[in-house]
Protein backbone atom coordinates (compact mmCIF):
# COMPACT_ATOMS: atom_id res chain seq x y z
CA MET A 1 -53.61 -34.53 14.54
CA ALA A 2 -50.35 -35.23 12.73
CA SER A 3 -50.02 -31.58 11.70
CA LYS A 4 -50.35 -30.47 15.32
CA VAL A 5 -47.57 -32.85 16.34
CA VAL A 6 -45.30 -31.55 13.55
CA THR A 7 -46.06 -27.96 14.52
CA GLY A 8 -45.21 -28.69 18.13
CA VAL A 9 -41.91 -30.31 17.16
CA VAL A 10 -40.99 -27.36 14.94
CA LYS A 11 -41.80 -24.87 17.70
CA THR A 12 -39.78 -26.83 20.20
CA THR A 13 -36.80 -27.16 17.85
CA ALA A 14 -36.73 -23.68 16.35
CA GLY A 15 -38.13 -21.45 19.04
CA GLY A 16 -37.28 -23.33 22.20
CA VAL A 17 -34.70 -21.89 24.55
CA VAL A 18 -31.64 -24.11 24.91
CA PRO A 19 -30.21 -24.00 28.43
CA VAL A 20 -26.71 -22.65 28.66
CA TYR A 21 -25.36 -25.84 30.23
CA HIS A 22 -26.36 -27.75 27.07
CA LYS A 23 -24.11 -25.61 24.87
CA TYR A 24 -20.55 -26.59 23.97
CA THR A 25 -19.01 -23.44 25.38
CA VAL A 26 -16.82 -22.53 28.34
CA GLN A 27 -19.04 -21.09 31.06
CA SER A 28 -18.52 -19.75 34.54
CA VAL A 29 -19.35 -22.03 37.48
CA GLY A 30 -20.38 -21.65 41.12
CA ILE A 31 -20.97 -18.22 42.58
CA TRP A 32 -19.68 -16.54 39.43
CA ASP A 33 -22.37 -18.20 37.35
CA ARG A 34 -25.05 -17.02 39.81
CA ILE A 35 -23.70 -13.45 39.55
CA ARG A 36 -23.65 -13.69 35.75
CA ARG A 37 -27.24 -14.94 35.61
CA ALA A 38 -28.36 -12.17 37.97
CA PHE A 39 -26.88 -9.37 35.83
CA ALA A 40 -27.28 -10.88 32.33
CA ILE A 41 -30.03 -9.69 30.01
CA ASP A 42 -30.40 -13.24 28.69
CA PRO A 43 -29.06 -15.79 31.18
CA ASN A 44 -29.24 -18.61 28.60
CA ARG A 45 -26.93 -16.86 26.17
CA SER A 46 -23.42 -18.32 26.11
CA ASN A 47 -20.19 -16.39 25.84
CA GLY A 48 -19.30 -18.09 22.55
CA VAL A 49 -15.93 -19.52 23.64
CA PRO A 50 -15.89 -23.15 22.43
CA LEU A 51 -14.70 -26.08 24.47
CA ASN A 52 -11.20 -26.39 23.08
CA PRO A 53 -10.50 -30.05 23.94
CA TYR A 54 -13.68 -31.19 22.15
CA ASN A 55 -14.23 -28.74 19.27
CA ARG A 56 -10.65 -28.15 18.08
CA ASN A 57 -9.14 -31.23 16.50
CA PRO A 58 -6.16 -31.30 16.37
CA SER A 59 -5.79 -29.04 19.36
CA PRO A 60 -3.14 -26.29 19.19
CA GLY A 61 0.35 -27.58 19.89
CA SER A 62 -0.58 -31.25 19.77
CA LEU A 63 1.17 -31.98 16.44
CA ASP A 64 4.91 -32.18 16.00
CA PRO A 65 6.06 -29.27 13.81
CA LEU A 66 8.23 -31.67 11.79
CA SER A 67 5.26 -33.87 10.91
CA TYR A 68 3.65 -31.40 8.49
CA ASP A 69 4.75 -28.86 5.90
CA ASP A 70 3.77 -25.24 6.38
CA PRO A 71 2.82 -23.82 2.97
CA VAL A 72 5.05 -20.91 1.97
CA THR A 73 4.10 -18.48 -0.75
CA LEU A 74 6.91 -16.68 -2.55
CA PRO A 75 7.89 -13.89 -2.51
CA ALA A 76 5.56 -12.88 0.36
CA GLY A 77 6.74 -15.76 2.54
CA ASP A 78 10.43 -14.92 2.14
CA ILE A 79 11.38 -12.84 5.17
CA ALA A 80 14.81 -11.83 3.88
CA ASP A 81 14.81 -8.23 2.59
CA ASN A 82 11.03 -8.31 2.26
CA PRO A 83 9.43 -5.63 4.45
CA TYR A 84 5.69 -5.15 4.33
CA TRP A 85 5.83 -1.60 2.96
CA LYS A 86 7.44 -2.87 -0.25
CA ARG A 87 4.55 -5.21 -1.07
CA ASP A 88 1.70 -3.13 0.40
CA ALA A 89 -0.34 -2.43 -2.71
CA ARG A 90 -3.07 -0.53 -0.86
CA ARG A 91 -0.77 2.31 0.16
CA ASN A 92 1.34 2.24 -3.00
CA TYR A 93 0.09 5.62 -4.16
CA PRO A 94 2.26 8.24 -5.91
CA ARG A 95 4.25 10.33 -3.51
CA LEU A 96 5.51 13.86 -4.04
CA SER A 97 9.14 14.31 -4.99
CA VAL A 98 10.73 17.28 -3.19
CA VAL A 99 13.95 18.93 -4.32
CA GLY A 100 15.62 21.10 -1.70
CA GLN A 101 18.02 23.97 -2.25
CA ALA A 102 21.07 21.74 -1.80
CA GLU A 103 19.85 19.36 -4.53
CA ALA A 104 18.92 22.30 -6.79
CA VAL A 105 22.41 23.80 -6.45
CA ALA A 106 23.97 20.42 -7.21
CA LEU A 107 21.76 20.02 -10.30
CA LEU A 108 22.60 23.52 -11.55
CA SER A 109 26.34 23.18 -10.95
CA VAL A 110 27.20 19.57 -11.86
CA GLY A 111 23.99 18.47 -13.64
CA SER A 112 22.08 15.21 -13.44
CA ALA A 113 22.67 11.68 -14.69
CA SER A 114 20.73 12.37 -17.91
CA HIS A 115 22.24 15.85 -18.49
CA PRO A 116 25.69 15.99 -16.86
CA ARG A 117 27.40 19.38 -16.98
CA VAL A 118 30.70 18.23 -15.46
CA GLU A 119 32.49 14.96 -15.99
CA LEU A 120 32.04 13.11 -12.69
CA VAL A 121 34.56 10.29 -12.89
CA GLY A 122 35.80 8.23 -9.96
CA GLU A 123 36.58 9.65 -6.55
CA ASN A 124 37.06 13.22 -7.78
CA GLY A 125 33.54 13.21 -9.23
CA SER A 126 31.96 12.05 -5.98
CA LYS A 127 33.94 14.68 -4.05
CA GLN A 128 32.77 17.36 -6.46
CA LEU A 129 29.14 16.28 -6.06
CA VAL A 130 29.41 16.32 -2.25
CA ALA A 131 31.07 19.74 -2.39
CA ALA A 132 28.25 21.11 -4.55
CA GLN A 133 25.61 19.79 -2.12
CA GLU A 134 27.48 21.22 0.88
CA ALA A 135 27.69 24.59 -0.86
CA GLY A 136 23.95 24.46 -1.45
CA LYS A 137 23.29 23.66 2.22
CA ALA A 138 25.55 26.49 3.40
CA GLY A 139 24.40 29.32 1.14
CA GLY A 140 21.41 28.04 -0.77
CA LEU A 141 20.32 29.18 -4.18
CA ALA A 142 20.83 32.88 -3.41
CA ARG A 143 24.59 32.57 -2.95
CA PHE A 144 24.87 30.29 -5.98
CA PHE A 145 23.01 32.80 -8.17
CA GLU A 146 25.25 35.63 -6.96
CA GLY A 147 28.33 33.94 -8.37
CA ASN A 148 27.10 31.66 -11.17
CA GLY A 149 23.56 32.83 -11.88
CA VAL A 150 24.11 34.05 -15.43
CA GLU A 151 25.94 30.93 -16.59
CA ALA A 152 23.41 28.61 -14.92
CA GLY A 153 20.52 30.51 -16.53
CA LYS A 154 22.11 30.24 -19.97
CA LEU A 155 22.61 26.49 -19.55
CA VAL A 156 18.99 25.96 -18.42
CA LEU A 157 17.62 27.98 -21.34
CA ALA A 158 19.90 26.14 -23.78
CA GLU A 159 18.56 22.79 -22.58
CA THR A 160 14.89 23.84 -22.84
CA GLY A 161 15.22 25.73 -26.10
CA GLY A 162 14.75 29.10 -24.42
CA LEU A 163 11.30 28.23 -23.07
CA PRO A 164 10.15 27.67 -19.50
CA PRO A 165 9.16 24.15 -18.46
CA LEU A 166 5.73 23.00 -19.59
CA PRO A 167 2.98 21.52 -17.45
CA SER A 168 2.80 17.75 -17.61
CA GLY A 169 1.26 16.38 -20.80
CA GLU A 170 1.16 19.62 -22.82
CA LYS A 171 2.72 19.90 -26.26
CA LEU A 172 2.61 22.21 -29.26
CA VAL A 173 0.13 20.87 -31.85
CA GLU A 174 -0.52 21.90 -35.43
CA GLY A 175 -1.71 25.46 -35.80
CA GLY A 176 0.51 26.80 -33.02
CA LYS A 177 -1.83 25.83 -30.18
CA TRP A 178 -0.89 24.14 -26.93
CA ASP A 179 -2.92 21.07 -26.03
CA VAL A 180 -2.73 18.00 -23.84
CA HIS A 181 -2.20 14.51 -25.18
CA LYS A 182 -5.34 13.15 -26.83
CA TYR A 183 -6.37 9.64 -25.91
CA GLN A 184 -7.59 7.20 -28.54
CA LEU A 185 -9.15 3.78 -28.56
CA ALA A 186 -6.79 0.87 -28.99
CA GLU A 187 -6.92 -0.73 -32.41
CA GLU A 188 -6.76 -4.30 -31.08
CA PRO A 189 -8.90 -4.83 -27.99
CA SER A 190 -7.22 -6.70 -25.19
CA TYR A 191 -10.47 -8.48 -24.30
CA SER A 192 -12.77 -10.66 -26.34
CA GLU A 193 -16.16 -9.52 -27.56
CA ALA A 194 -17.81 -11.44 -24.74
CA TYR A 195 -16.31 -8.95 -22.27
CA PRO A 196 -17.18 -5.41 -23.44
CA CYS A 197 -14.31 -3.37 -22.03
CA ARG A 198 -12.65 -0.44 -23.79
CA SER A 199 -8.88 0.06 -23.60
CA PHE A 200 -7.38 3.53 -23.95
CA SER A 201 -3.85 4.20 -25.10
């Protein structure tokens, strides 16, 4: 007898349908509720919007902003000179670097910061760099090679030892063969033996 009572209570609690007006949600009233019940698949299903005055404590806007401290995380919370694209780690993938003909002419004529071919000092140096870029935009590499092609080629070959540029990571190994850099296991592991993780260097 007791088991039947318990079973009935469980069925009523777990499987019983709760009327929509017993739920703590905002519902339509009047004619709009009759229309909703006529077209709804399950008329006792609520819309899920809670009753804000009862289920949100404190309610939005009820507290004085000066009565609490808003936690700020640095540097993400600092809005000065902190755009999202600078700290977006998901899209921080390597991007291609493109050198146009104007930049190529400037590199061949005046050089770069690591290998300068002309002394670029002060205002005259900046003017010379701008002039080289403007010449590259106007005529491109073809016009530059017509006038200074031989000298530029000699300078490039002198910097590379007379060889063309190599693909990334290749070098001349013993025996006269070209090979990429070989990886090897680190001598001192960066993790303890409890965490079996290999580090490559």
